[in-house]
Amino acid sequence: MTQVRRRFIIALLAVLPFLAHSIWDYVEARRLRARIEAIKSRGESVGPRYVQLSAAAADADRLYRAASILASGFDLGAEPRRRHQLSTAIRDGNWTSDVRDEVRARLARYSDAMELADRAAELPFEGFAPGTTYNYLTSHLWSLARICALRATVRALDGDSDGAYAALYSAVRVQRALDRPFHVPGLKIVVERSHPSPAARARVMRGFDDIDVDDLPKQSLVRTRSLWLSGYNRDVVREMSGMSWLVRPWAAHRLTRALDVFALLVEAAGKPESQRVAAMQRVDGFPSPFNVSREQSRAALEQSVRGFMADADWVRCARRAVAGEPITCRL
């Protein structure tokens, strides 16, 4: 009898870790599913979903994707001295005749991309169709916006005011397809050197109205969280069940923790502007797919908040400058 009891105790002790792990796995799966359902109940995205674009928006989608591919690889030249000279001109406004000619030559290679961007600028944009995005799309769209901005600068320097504002309009409209506002290089030169018609000025102002969104930080956070979850297809918990039994509860725990931090940040970002920054800074860090220290997480949060503030300040400064108002802010 004593031998049987001993064997039973040994078998029980051997099974207990597996039982505890199974209970932990079950609990973490329930917690994660609860977070996912809460996001869905608020009507927020938890990954890729089908979007029915209008006919005009579908055209804008295709035009921007085509233009972004044509804009890929854009740079200011491989030769370091020339690159520095062009960068300095863009930053400081020191546009010598040879620098201007160099930029014209480079822009000429991207005429097709600019033409497609101009066409897309006239259309409504509702997003990209599911399955049409890829890792480098945002980077290529930034290049496209930069190309259009440089074209605006060159036109302003050439005295073509309405042409400069037309190119500026295209650069601003590309930003509808970006997660964050694009700080248009050379905008100060365009504003100072141009005397556009009221219609050209009003057109650019409408473009800025479309990207001057009060809840941009909230939208950006929701979009970032959706990209995190998109790797799990439609059912995050079900997709995660395919992981190794040993690591699955820990992975679910980490993702749940990240979703909790996202929820706090989204709530804080949705507060009135006067309270938003302080509310976001009270959140304990920023979600990360990697194992980072608390100090690194806090630093990431501070950087994110500063970025949101800088974006909002720049858009408003740019709007006032384009409207012809005197400004003390930095473009």
C-alpha atoms as a PDB file:
ATOM      1  CA  MET A   1       0.000   0.000   0.000  1.00  0.00           C
ATOM      2  CA  THR A   2       2.806   2.365   0.889  1.00  0.00           C
ATOM      3  CA  GLN A   3       4.453   1.619  -2.460  1.00  0.00           C
ATOM      4  CA  VAL A   4       1.227   2.396  -4.338  1.00  0.00           C
ATOM      5  CA  ARG A   5       0.815   5.673  -2.462  1.00  0.00           C
ATOM      6  CA  ARG A   6       4.393   6.658  -3.230  1.00  0.00           C
ATOM      7  CA  ARG A   7       3.907   5.944  -6.926  1.00  0.00           C
ATOM      8  CA  PHE A   8       0.687   7.923  -6.934  1.00  0.00           C
ATOM      9  CA  ILE A   9       2.360  10.909  -5.322  1.00  0.00           C
ATOM     10  CA  ILE A  10       5.253  10.742  -7.786  1.00  0.00           C
ATOM     11  CA  ALA A  11       2.834  10.532 -10.737  1.00  0.00           C
ATOM     12  CA  LEU A  12       0.794  13.440  -9.350  1.00  0.00           C
ATOM     13  CA  LEU A  13       3.876  15.595  -8.925  1.00  0.00           C
ATOM     14  CA  ALA A  14       4.898  14.789 -12.490  1.00  0.00           C
ATOM     15  CA  VAL A  15       1.475  15.748 -13.859  1.00  0.00           C
ATOM     16  CA  LEU A  16       0.951  18.919 -11.813  1.00  0.00           C
ATOM     17  CA  PRO A  17       3.255  21.157 -13.904  1.00  0.00           C
ATOM     18  CA  PHE A  18       1.430  20.156 -17.076  1.00  0.00           C
ATOM     19  CA  LEU A  19      -1.931  20.729 -15.395  1.00  0.00           C
ATOM     20  CA  ALA A  20      -0.838  24.148 -14.144  1.00  0.00           C
ATOM     21  CA  HIS A  21       0.464  25.040 -17.595  1.00  0.00           C
ATOM     22  CA  SER A  22      -2.837  23.982 -19.180  1.00  0.00           C
ATOM     23  CA  ILE A  23      -4.792  26.128 -16.726  1.00  0.00           C
ATOM     24  CA  TRP A  24      -2.496  29.089 -17.445  1.00  0.00           C
ATOM     25  CA  ASP A  25      -2.963  28.528 -21.198  1.00  0.00           C
ATOM     26  CA  TYR A  26      -6.760  28.498 -20.775  1.00  0.00           C
ATOM     27  CA  VAL A  27      -6.792  31.637 -18.626  1.00  0.00           C
ATOM     28  CA  GLU A  28      -4.534  33.607 -20.978  1.00  0.00           C
ATOM     29  CA  ALA A  29      -6.587  32.570 -24.014  1.00  0.00           C
ATOM     30  CA  ARG A  30      -9.784  33.817 -22.298  1.00  0.00           C
ATOM     31  CA  ARG A  31      -8.128  37.107 -21.341  1.00  0.00           C
ATOM     32  CA  LEU A  32      -6.869  37.649 -24.874  1.00  0.00           C
ATOM     33  CA  ARG A  33     -10.237  36.828 -26.423  1.00  0.00           C
ATOM     34  CA  ALA A  34     -11.922  39.288 -24.062  1.00  0.00           C
ATOM     35  CA  ARG A  35      -9.559  42.056 -25.219  1.00  0.00           C
ATOM     36  CA  ILE A  36     -10.199  41.261 -28.891  1.00  0.00           C
ATOM     37  CA  GLU A  37     -13.970  41.263 -28.394  1.00  0.00           C
ATOM     38  CA  ALA A  38     -13.768  44.603 -26.572  1.00  0.00           C
ATOM     39  CA  ILE A  39     -11.923  46.144 -29.523  1.00  0.00           C
ATOM     40  CA  LYS A  40     -14.507  44.747 -31.940  1.00  0.00           C
ATOM     41  CA  SER A  41     -17.387  46.045 -29.814  1.00  0.00           C
ATOM     42  CA  ARG A  42     -16.027  49.574 -30.260  1.00  0.00           C
ATOM     43  CA  GLY A  43     -16.024  49.131 -34.014  1.00  0.00           C
ATOM     44  CA  GLU A  44     -12.217  49.299 -34.215  1.00  0.00           C
ATOM     45  CA  SER A  45     -10.183  47.147 -36.543  1.00  0.00           C
ATOM     46  CA  VAL A  46      -8.413  44.012 -35.312  1.00  0.00           C
ATOM     47  CA  GLY A  47      -6.759  43.208 -38.609  1.00  0.00           C
ATOM     48  CA  PRO A  48      -7.390  43.195 -42.338  1.00  0.00           C
ATOM     49  CA  ARG A  49     -10.996  43.525 -43.355  1.00  0.00           C
ATOM     50  CA  TYR A  50     -12.820  43.888 -46.602  1.00  0.00           C
ATOM     51  CA  VAL A  51     -13.510  47.467 -47.624  1.00  0.00           C
ATOM     52  CA  GLN A  52     -15.746  48.302 -50.541  1.00  0.00           C
ATOM     53  CA  LEU A  53     -14.197  51.365 -52.176  1.00  0.00           C
ATOM     54  CA  SER A  54     -16.258  53.693 -54.307  1.00  0.00           C
ATOM     55  CA  ALA A  55     -15.341  53.780 -57.990  1.00  0.00           C
ATOM     56  CA  ALA A  56     -13.422  57.066 -57.703  1.00  0.00           C
ATOM     57  CA  ALA A  57     -11.649  55.969 -54.507  1.00  0.00           C
ATOM     58  CA  ALA A  58     -10.665  52.682 -56.152  1.00  0.00           C
ATOM     59  CA  ASP A  59      -9.041  54.724 -58.926  1.00  0.00           C
ATOM     60  CA  ALA A  60      -7.167  56.799 -56.330  1.00  0.00           C
ATOM     61  CA  ASP A  61      -6.022  53.584 -54.666  1.00  0.00           C
ATOM     62  CA  ARG A  62      -4.561  52.231 -57.917  1.00  0.00           C
ATOM     63  CA  LEU A  63      -3.027  55.543 -58.942  1.00  0.00           C
ATOM     64  CA  TYR A  64      -1.265  56.033 -55.612  1.00  0.00           C
ATOM     65  CA  ARG A  65       0.071  52.478 -55.600  1.00  0.00           C
ATOM     66  CA  ALA A  66       1.345  52.842 -59.168  1.00  0.00           C
ATOM     67  CA  ALA A  67       2.876  56.256 -58.441  1.00  0.00           C
ATOM     68  CA  SER A  68       4.538  54.947 -55.277  1.00  0.00           C
ATOM     69  CA  ILE A  69       6.250  52.166 -57.208  1.00  0.00           C
ATOM     70  CA  LEU A  70       7.524  54.650 -59.776  1.00  0.00           C
ATOM     71  CA  ALA A  71       8.770  56.896 -56.944  1.00  0.00           C
ATOM     72  CA  SER A  72      10.667  54.107 -55.189  1.00  0.00           C
ATOM     73  CA  GLY A  73      14.419  54.549 -55.037  1.00  0.00           C
ATOM     74  CA  PHE A  74      14.262  58.347 -55.133  1.00  0.00           C
ATOM     75  CA  ASP A  75      17.297  60.016 -53.581  1.00  0.00           C
ATOM     76  CA  LEU A  76      19.380  63.153 -53.904  1.00  0.00           C
ATOM     77  CA  GLY A  77      22.309  61.444 -55.572  1.00  0.00           C
ATOM     78  CA  ALA A  78      24.939  58.887 -54.661  1.00  0.00           C
ATOM     79  CA  GLU A  79      27.913  61.281 -54.594  1.00  0.00           C
ATOM     80  CA  PRO A  80      28.269  62.535 -50.967  1.00  0.00           C
ATOM     81  CA  ARG A  81      29.266  66.104 -51.809  1.00  0.00           C
ATOM     82  CA  ARG A  82      26.388  66.559 -54.208  1.00  0.00           C
ATOM     83  CA  ARG A  83      23.936  64.951 -51.781  1.00  0.00           C
ATOM     84  CA  HIS A  84      25.079  67.332 -49.037  1.00  0.00           C
ATOM     85  CA  GLN A  85      24.747  70.317 -51.354  1.00  0.00           C
ATOM     86  CA  LEU A  86      21.196  69.393 -52.321  1.00  0.00           C
ATOM     87  CA  SER A  87      20.198  68.643 -48.741  1.00  0.00           C
ATOM     88  CA  THR A  88      21.564  71.998 -47.608  1.00  0.00           C
ATOM     89  CA  ALA A  89      19.640  73.795 -50.350  1.00  0.00           C
ATOM     90  CA  ILE A  90      16.409  72.136 -49.314  1.00  0.00           C
ATOM     91  CA  ARG A  91      16.990  72.891 -45.638  1.00  0.00           C
ATOM     92  CA  ASP A  92      18.437  76.419 -45.848  1.00  0.00           C
ATOM     93  CA  GLY A  93      17.031  77.686 -49.120  1.00  0.00           C
ATOM     94  CA  ASN A  94      20.423  78.227 -50.751  1.00  0.00           C
ATOM     95  CA  TRP A  95      19.298  77.281 -54.259  1.00  0.00           C
ATOM     96  CA  THR A  96      22.108  78.099 -56.662  1.00  0.00           C
ATOM     97  CA  SER A  97      21.466  77.723 -60.372  1.00  0.00           C
ATOM     98  CA  ASP A  98      23.443  74.467 -60.594  1.00  0.00           C
ATOM     99  CA  VAL A  99      21.560  72.981 -57.644  1.00  0.00           C
ATOM    100  CA  ARG A 100      18.290  73.924 -59.270  1.00  0.00           C
ATOM    101  CA  ASP A 101      19.338  72.309 -62.541  1.00  0.00           C
ATOM    102  CA  GLU A 102      20.417  69.176 -60.680  1.00  0.00           C
ATOM    103  CA  VAL A 103      17.023  68.859 -58.987  1.00  0.00           C
ATOM    104  CA  ARG A 104      15.207  69.425 -62.272  1.00  0.00           C
ATOM    105  CA  ALA A 105      17.223  66.630 -63.866  1.00  0.00           C
ATOM    106  CA  ARG A 106      16.386  64.267 -61.035  1.00  0.00           C
ATOM    107  CA  LEU A 107      12.692  65.159 -61.043  1.00  0.00           C
ATOM    108  CA  ALA A 108      12.490  64.568 -64.789  1.00  0.00           C
ATOM    109  CA  ARG A 109      13.076  60.871 -64.136  1.00  0.00           C
ATOM    110  CA  TYR A 110       9.909  60.776 -62.039  1.00  0.00           C
ATOM    111  CA  SER A 111       7.535  62.639 -64.340  1.00  0.00           C
ATOM    112  CA  ASP A 112       5.221  59.623 -64.641  1.00  0.00           C
ATOM    113  CA  ALA A 113       4.997  59.286 -60.863  1.00  0.00           C
ATOM    114  CA  MET A 114       4.120  62.972 -60.490  1.00  0.00           C
ATOM    115  CA  GLU A 115       1.482  62.757 -63.211  1.00  0.00           C
ATOM    116  CA  LEU A 116      -0.212  59.842 -61.429  1.00  0.00           C
ATOM    117  CA  ALA A 117      -0.024  61.713 -58.105  1.00  0.00           C
ATOM    118  CA  ASP A 118      -1.680  64.740 -59.733  1.00  0.00           C
ATOM    119  CA  ARG A 119      -4.510  62.568 -61.035  1.00  0.00           C
ATOM    120  CA  ALA A 120      -4.995  60.862 -57.669  1.00  0.00           C
ATOM    121  CA  ALA A 121      -5.053  64.236 -55.895  1.00  0.00           C
ATOM    122  CA  GLU A 122      -8.306  65.097 -57.644  1.00  0.00           C
ATOM    123  CA  LEU A 123     -10.043  61.949 -56.378  1.00  0.00           C
ATOM    124  CA  PRO A 124     -11.445  60.966 -52.976  1.00  0.00           C
ATOM    125  CA  PHE A 125      -9.271  58.572 -50.998  1.00  0.00           C
ATOM    126  CA  GLU A 126     -10.869  55.956 -48.737  1.00  0.00           C
ATOM    127  CA  GLY A 127      -7.872  53.738 -48.111  1.00  0.00           C
ATOM    128  CA  PHE A 128      -6.143  50.906 -49.916  1.00  0.00           C
ATOM    129  CA  ALA A 129      -8.043  47.794 -50.890  1.00  0.00           C
ATOM    130  CA  PRO A 130      -7.280  44.736 -48.711  1.00  0.00           C
ATOM    131  CA  GLY A 131      -4.428  42.634 -50.031  1.00  0.00           C
ATOM    132  CA  THR A 132      -2.861  45.475 -52.024  1.00  0.00           C
ATOM    133  CA  THR A 133      -0.476  46.846 -49.391  1.00  0.00           C
ATOM    134  CA  TYR A 134       3.062  45.672 -48.747  1.00  0.00           C
ATOM    135  CA  ASN A 135       5.945  46.418 -46.390  1.00  0.00           C
ATOM    136  CA  TYR A 136       7.541  49.251 -48.352  1.00  0.00           C
ATOM    137  CA  LEU A 137       4.388  51.022 -49.534  1.00  0.00           C
ATOM    138  CA  THR A 138       4.573  53.754 -46.883  1.00  0.00           C
ATOM    139  CA  SER A 139       8.247  54.400 -47.652  1.00  0.00           C
ATOM    140  CA  HIS A 140       7.495  54.743 -51.373  1.00  0.00           C
ATOM    141  CA  LEU A 141       4.583  57.092 -50.645  1.00  0.00           C
ATOM    142  CA  TRP A 142       6.906  59.288 -48.577  1.00  0.00           C
ATOM    143  CA  SER A 143       9.233  59.423 -51.570  1.00  0.00           C
ATOM    144  CA  LEU A 144       6.304  60.385 -53.779  1.00  0.00           C
ATOM    145  CA  ALA A 145       5.307  63.221 -51.442  1.00  0.00           C
ATOM    146  CA  ARG A 146       8.896  64.441 -51.346  1.00  0.00           C
ATOM    147  CA  ILE A 147       9.148  64.450 -55.139  1.00  0.00           C
ATOM    148  CA  CYS A 148       5.968  66.517 -55.429  1.00  0.00           C
ATOM    149  CA  ALA A 149       7.267  68.922 -52.758  1.00  0.00           C
ATOM    150  CA  LEU A 150      10.576  69.428 -54.571  1.00  0.00           C
ATOM    151  CA  ARG A 151       8.684  70.117 -57.778  1.00  0.00           C
ATOM    152  CA  ALA A 152       6.719  72.805 -55.910  1.00  0.00           C
ATOM    153  CA  THR A 153       9.962  74.391 -54.689  1.00  0.00           C
ATOM    154  CA  VAL A 154      11.535  74.490 -58.151  1.00  0.00           C
ATOM    155  CA  ARG A 155       8.407  76.020 -59.650  1.00  0.00           C
ATOM    156  CA  ALA A 156       8.308  78.666 -56.929  1.00  0.00           C
ATOM    157  CA  LEU A 157      11.945  79.549 -57.605  1.00  0.00           C
ATOM    158  CA  ASP A 158      11.124  79.808 -61.313  1.00  0.00           C
ATOM    159  CA  GLY A 159       8.330  82.278 -60.579  1.00  0.00           C
ATOM    160  CA  ASP A 160       5.476  79.875 -61.432  1.00  0.00           C
ATOM    161  CA  SER A 161       3.317  80.594 -58.380  1.00  0.00           C
ATOM    162  CA  ASP A 162       0.146  78.744 -59.379  1.00  0.00           C
ATOM    163  CA  GLY A 163       2.225  75.840 -60.675  1.00  0.00           C
ATOM    164  CA  ALA A 164       4.065  75.699 -57.351  1.00  0.00           C
ATOM    165  CA  TYR A 165       0.801  75.572 -55.420  1.00  0.00           C
ATOM    166  CA  ALA A 166      -0.559  72.905 -57.778  1.00  0.00           C
ATOM    167  CA  ALA A 167       2.489  70.730 -57.023  1.00  0.00           C
ATOM    168  CA  LEU A 168       2.158  71.548 -53.322  1.00  0.00           C
ATOM    169  CA  TYR A 169      -1.472  70.417 -53.450  1.00  0.00           C
ATOM    170  CA  SER A 170      -0.410  67.023 -54.805  1.00  0.00           C
ATOM    171  CA  ALA A 171       2.236  66.688 -52.075  1.00  0.00           C
ATOM    172  CA  VAL A 172      -0.331  67.476 -49.376  1.00  0.00           C
ATOM    173  CA  ARG A 173      -2.906  65.100 -50.847  1.00  0.00           C
ATOM    174  CA  VAL A 174      -0.470  62.177 -50.787  1.00  0.00           C
ATOM    175  CA  GLN A 175      -0.552  62.517 -47.023  1.00  0.00           C
ATOM    176  CA  ARG A 176      -4.045  61.062 -46.967  1.00  0.00           C
ATOM    177  CA  ALA A 177      -2.390  57.726 -47.717  1.00  0.00           C
ATOM    178  CA  LEU A 178       0.243  58.087 -44.960  1.00  0.00           C
ATOM    179  CA  ASP A 179      -0.075  57.271 -41.275  1.00  0.00           C
ATOM    180  CA  ARG A 180       1.447  60.574 -40.175  1.00  0.00           C
ATOM    181  CA  PRO A 181       1.634  64.067 -41.712  1.00  0.00           C
ATOM    182  CA  PHE A 182       4.546  64.635 -44.049  1.00  0.00           C
ATOM    183  CA  HIS A 183       6.600  67.740 -43.178  1.00  0.00           C
ATOM    184  CA  VAL A 184       6.822  69.177 -46.696  1.00  0.00           C
ATOM    185  CA  PRO A 185      10.429  70.181 -47.396  1.00  0.00           C
ATOM    186  CA  GLY A 186      10.823  73.591 -48.970  1.00  0.00           C
ATOM    187  CA  LEU A 187       7.354  74.781 -47.945  1.00  0.00           C
ATOM    188  CA  LYS A 188       8.824  77.999 -46.528  1.00  0.00           C
ATOM    189  CA  ILE A 189      10.388  78.823 -49.901  1.00  0.00           C
ATOM    190  CA  VAL A 190       7.170  78.024 -51.758  1.00  0.00           C
ATOM    191  CA  VAL A 191       5.167  80.330 -49.477  1.00  0.00           C
ATOM    192  CA  GLU A 192       7.712  83.159 -49.531  1.00  0.00           C
ATOM    193  CA  ARG A 193       8.448  83.077 -53.260  1.00  0.00           C
ATOM    194  CA  SER A 194       4.924  82.518 -54.573  1.00  0.00           C
ATOM    195  CA  HIS A 195       2.008  84.853 -55.160  1.00  0.00           C
ATOM    196  CA  PRO A 196      -0.707  82.380 -56.111  1.00  0.00           C
ATOM    197  CA  SER A 197      -4.191  83.181 -57.291  1.00  0.00           C
ATOM    198  CA  PRO A 198      -6.966  82.975 -54.655  1.00  0.00           C
ATOM    199  CA  ALA A 199      -8.226  79.766 -56.279  1.00  0.00           C
ATOM    200  CA  ALA A 200      -4.795  78.091 -56.120  1.00  0.00           C
ATOM    201  CA  ARG A 201      -4.335  79.126 -52.499  1.00  0.00           C
ATOM    202  CA  ALA A 202      -7.817  77.958 -51.499  1.00  0.00           C
ATOM    203  CA  ARG A 203      -7.197  74.591 -53.158  1.00  0.00           C
ATOM    204  CA  VAL A 204      -4.117  73.926 -51.032  1.00  0.00           C
ATOM    205  CA  MET A 205      -5.982  75.076 -47.930  1.00  0.00           C
ATOM    206  CA  ARG A 206      -8.660  72.450 -48.622  1.00  0.00           C
ATOM    207  CA  GLY A 207      -5.915  69.871 -48.883  1.00  0.00           C
ATOM    208  CA  PHE A 208      -4.626  70.800 -45.443  1.00  0.00           C
ATOM    209  CA  ASP A 209      -8.174  70.730 -44.052  1.00  0.00           C
ATOM    210  CA  ASP A 210      -8.367  67.041 -44.958  1.00  0.00           C
ATOM    211  CA  ILE A 211      -5.234  66.122 -42.985  1.00  0.00           C
ATOM    212  CA  ASP A 212      -5.711  68.500 -40.055  1.00  0.00           C
ATOM    213  CA  VAL A 213      -7.629  65.858 -38.083  1.00  0.00           C
ATOM    214  CA  ASP A 214      -8.087  66.464 -34.372  1.00  0.00           C
ATOM    215  CA  ASP A 215      -8.037  62.774 -33.425  1.00  0.00           C
ATOM    216  CA  LEU A 216      -5.026  61.880 -35.580  1.00  0.00           C
ATOM    217  CA  PRO A 217      -3.088  60.403 -32.600  1.00  0.00           C
ATOM    218  CA  LYS A 218      -6.022  58.128 -31.804  1.00  0.00           C
ATOM    219  CA  GLN A 219      -6.377  57.059 -35.433  1.00  0.00           C
ATOM    220  CA  SER A 220      -2.661  56.368 -35.658  1.00  0.00           C
ATOM    221  CA  LEU A 221      -2.676  54.223 -32.513  1.00  0.00           C
ATOM    222  CA  VAL A 222      -5.715  52.245 -33.657  1.00  0.00           C
ATOM    223  CA  ARG A 223      -4.053  51.682 -37.032  1.00  0.00           C
ATOM    224  CA  THR A 224      -0.797  50.563 -35.408  1.00  0.00           C
ATOM    225  CA  ARG A 225      -2.629  48.105 -33.180  1.00  0.00           C
ATOM    226  CA  SER A 226      -4.509  46.764 -36.183  1.00  0.00           C
ATOM    227  CA  LEU A 227      -1.204  46.160 -37.978  1.00  0.00           C
ATOM    228  CA  TRP A 228       0.038  44.252 -34.939  1.00  0.00           C
ATOM    229  CA  LEU A 229      -3.017  42.021 -34.993  1.00  0.00           C
ATOM    230  CA  SER A 230      -3.132  41.635 -38.786  1.00  0.00           C
ATOM    231  CA  GLY A 231      -0.451  38.967 -38.595  1.00  0.00           C
ATOM    232  CA  TYR A 232      -2.998  36.708 -36.929  1.00  0.00           C
ATOM    233  CA  ASN A 233      -5.556  36.966 -39.733  1.00  0.00           C
ATOM    234  CA  ARG A 234      -9.185  37.156 -38.574  1.00  0.00           C
ATOM    235  CA  ASP A 235      -9.193  35.151 -35.325  1.00  0.00           C
ATOM    236  CA  VAL A 236      -6.184  36.049 -33.184  1.00  0.00           C
ATOM    237  CA  VAL A 237      -6.837  33.405 -30.526  1.00  0.00           C
ATOM    238  CA  ARG A 238      -7.398  30.644 -33.062  1.00  0.00           C
ATOM    239  CA  GLU A 239      -4.289  31.583 -35.006  1.00  0.00           C
ATOM    240  CA  MET A 240      -2.277  31.646 -31.802  1.00  0.00           C
ATOM    241  CA  SER A 241      -3.465  28.116 -30.976  1.00  0.00           C
ATOM    242  CA  GLY A 242      -1.125  26.884 -33.692  1.00  0.00           C
ATOM    243  CA  MET A 243       1.861  27.930 -31.597  1.00  0.00           C
ATOM    244  CA  SER A 244       3.893  25.547 -29.483  1.00  0.00           C
ATOM    245  CA  TRP A 245       1.972  24.513 -26.373  1.00  0.00           C
ATOM    246  CA  LEU A 246       4.867  25.566 -24.162  1.00  0.00           C
ATOM    247  CA  VAL A 247       5.213  29.174 -25.397  1.00  0.00           C
ATOM    248  CA  ARG A 248       1.576  29.912 -26.272  1.00  0.00           C
ATOM    249  CA  PRO A 249       0.371  31.189 -22.854  1.00  0.00           C
ATOM    250  CA  TRP A 250       3.384  33.455 -22.493  1.00  0.00           C
ATOM    251  CA  ALA A 251       2.844  34.841 -26.014  1.00  0.00           C
ATOM    252  CA  ALA A 252      -0.849  35.404 -25.241  1.00  0.00           C
ATOM    253  CA  HIS A 253       0.074  37.098 -21.948  1.00  0.00           C
ATOM    254  CA  ARG A 254       2.460  39.498 -23.685  1.00  0.00           C
ATOM    255  CA  LEU A 255      -0.041  40.326 -26.418  1.00  0.00           C
ATOM    256  CA  THR A 256      -2.792  40.891 -23.849  1.00  0.00           C
ATOM    257  CA  ARG A 257      -0.505  43.226 -21.926  1.00  0.00           C
ATOM    258  CA  ALA A 258       0.281  45.146 -25.116  1.00  0.00           C
ATOM    259  CA  LEU A 259      -3.431  45.437 -25.946  1.00  0.00           C
ATOM    260  CA  ASP A 260      -4.108  46.773 -22.450  1.00  0.00           C
ATOM    261  CA  VAL A 261      -1.464  49.471 -22.938  1.00  0.00           C
ATOM    262  CA  PHE A 262      -2.881  50.258 -26.384  1.00  0.00           C
ATOM    263  CA  ALA A 263      -6.348  50.616 -24.855  1.00  0.00           C
ATOM    264  CA  LEU A 264      -5.058  53.128 -22.297  1.00  0.00           C
ATOM    265  CA  LEU A 265      -3.236  55.104 -24.983  1.00  0.00           C
ATOM    266  CA  VAL A 266      -6.229  55.124 -27.346  1.00  0.00           C
ATOM    267  CA  GLU A 267      -8.456  56.343 -24.514  1.00  0.00           C
ATOM    268  CA  ALA A 268      -5.951  59.048 -23.592  1.00  0.00           C
ATOM    269  CA  ALA A 269      -5.496  60.112 -27.222  1.00  0.00           C
ATOM    270  CA  GLY A 270      -9.262  60.539 -27.527  1.00  0.00           C
ATOM    271  CA  LYS A 271      -9.436  63.154 -24.786  1.00  0.00           C
ATOM    272  CA  PRO A 272      -9.778  66.893 -25.526  1.00  0.00           C
ATOM    273  CA  GLU A 273      -6.574  68.372 -26.888  1.00  0.00           C
ATOM    274  CA  SER A 274      -5.864  70.338 -23.718  1.00  0.00           C
ATOM    275  CA  GLN A 275      -5.792  67.087 -21.707  1.00  0.00           C
ATOM    276  CA  ARG A 276      -4.412  64.704 -24.319  1.00  0.00           C
ATOM    277  CA  VAL A 277      -0.659  65.003 -23.850  1.00  0.00           C
ATOM    278  CA  ALA A 278      -0.775  64.710 -20.052  1.00  0.00           C
ATOM    279  CA  ALA A 279      -3.149  61.738 -20.282  1.00  0.00           C
ATOM    280  CA  MET A 280      -0.907  59.900 -22.735  1.00  0.00           C
ATOM    281  CA  GLN A 281       2.206  60.588 -20.665  1.00  0.00           C
ATOM    282  CA  ARG A 282       0.535  59.003 -17.632  1.00  0.00           C
ATOM    283  CA  VAL A 283       0.362  55.652 -19.429  1.00  0.00           C
ATOM    284  CA  ASP A 284       3.069  53.248 -18.324  1.00  0.00           C
ATOM    285  CA  GLY A 285       5.118  52.926 -21.499  1.00  0.00           C
ATOM    286  CA  PHE A 286       4.463  52.169 -25.155  1.00  0.00           C
ATOM    287  CA  PRO A 287       3.623  48.721 -26.617  1.00  0.00           C
ATOM    288  CA  SER A 288       6.507  46.902 -28.247  1.00  0.00           C
ATOM    289  CA  PRO A 289       6.680  43.546 -30.060  1.00  0.00           C
ATOM    290  CA  PHE A 290      10.090  43.064 -28.436  1.00  0.00           C
ATOM    291  CA  ASN A 291      11.173  42.509 -24.878  1.00  0.00           C
ATOM    292  CA  VAL A 292      12.308  45.981 -23.790  1.00  0.00           C
ATOM    293  CA  SER A 293      13.083  47.510 -20.416  1.00  0.00           C
ATOM    294  CA  ARG A 294      10.675  49.844 -18.646  1.00  0.00           C
ATOM    295  CA  GLU A 295      13.020  52.752 -19.335  1.00  0.00           C
ATOM    296  CA  GLN A 296      13.041  51.944 -23.058  1.00  0.00           C
ATOM    297  CA  SER A 297       9.261  51.654 -23.071  1.00  0.00           C
ATOM    298  CA  ARG A 298       8.903  55.030 -21.363  1.00  0.00           C
ATOM    299  CA  ALA A 299      11.351  56.580 -23.810  1.00  0.00           C
ATOM    300  CA  ALA A 300       9.315  55.183 -26.713  1.00  0.00           C
ATOM    301  CA  LEU A 301       6.161  56.704 -25.220  1.00  0.00           C
ATOM    302  CA  GLU A 302       7.797  60.114 -24.823  1.00  0.00           C
ATOM    303  CA  GLN A 303       9.075  59.975 -28.398  1.00  0.00           C
ATOM    304  CA  SER A 304       5.650  59.026 -29.705  1.00  0.00           C
ATOM    305  CA  VAL A 305       3.900  61.831 -27.817  1.00  0.00           C
ATOM    306  CA  ARG A 306       6.464  64.381 -29.000  1.00  0.00           C
ATOM    307  CA  GLY A 307       5.988  63.128 -32.558  1.00  0.00           C
ATOM    308  CA  PHE A 308       2.205  63.538 -32.393  1.00  0.00           C
ATOM    309  CA  MET A 309       2.588  67.055 -30.984  1.00  0.00           C
ATOM    310  CA  ALA A 310       5.136  68.037 -33.641  1.00  0.00           C
ATOM    311  CA  ASP A 311       2.909  66.693 -36.422  1.00  0.00           C
ATOM    312  CA  ALA A 312      -0.121  68.643 -35.219  1.00  0.00           C
ATOM    313  CA  ASP A 313       1.909  71.822 -34.722  1.00  0.00           C
ATOM    314  CA  TRP A 314       3.454  71.558 -38.180  1.00  0.00           C
ATOM    315  CA  VAL A 315       0.112  71.055 -39.965  1.00  0.00           C
ATOM    316  CA  ARG A 316      -1.368  74.101 -38.253  1.00  0.00           C
ATOM    317  CA  CYS A 317       1.712  76.190 -38.920  1.00  0.00           C
ATOM    318  CA  ALA A 318       1.652  75.164 -42.581  1.00  0.00           C
ATOM    319  CA  ARG A 319      -2.032  76.043 -42.895  1.00  0.00           C
ATOM    320  CA  ARG A 320      -1.431  79.535 -41.531  1.00  0.00           C
ATOM    321  CA  ALA A 321       1.568  80.038 -43.808  1.00  0.00           C
ATOM    322  CA  VAL A 322      -0.330  78.922 -46.900  1.00  0.00           C
ATOM    323  CA  ALA A 323      -3.229  81.180 -45.925  1.00  0.00           C
ATOM    324  CA  GLY A 324      -0.808  84.116 -46.033  1.00  0.00           C
ATOM    325  CA  GLU A 325      -0.858  84.763 -42.281  1.00  0.00           C
ATOM    326  CA  PRO A 326       2.299  85.918 -40.471  1.00  0.00           C
ATOM    327  CA  ILE A 327       3.838  83.021 -38.583  1.00  0.00           C
ATOM    328  CA  THR A 328       6.381  82.568 -35.815  1.00  0.00           C
ATOM    329  CA  CYS A 329       6.303  78.760 -35.952  1.00  0.00           C
ATOM    330  CA  ARG A 330       8.919  76.684 -37.775  1.00  0.00           C
ATOM    331  CA  LEU A 331       8.123  75.120 -41.130  1.00  0.00           C
END
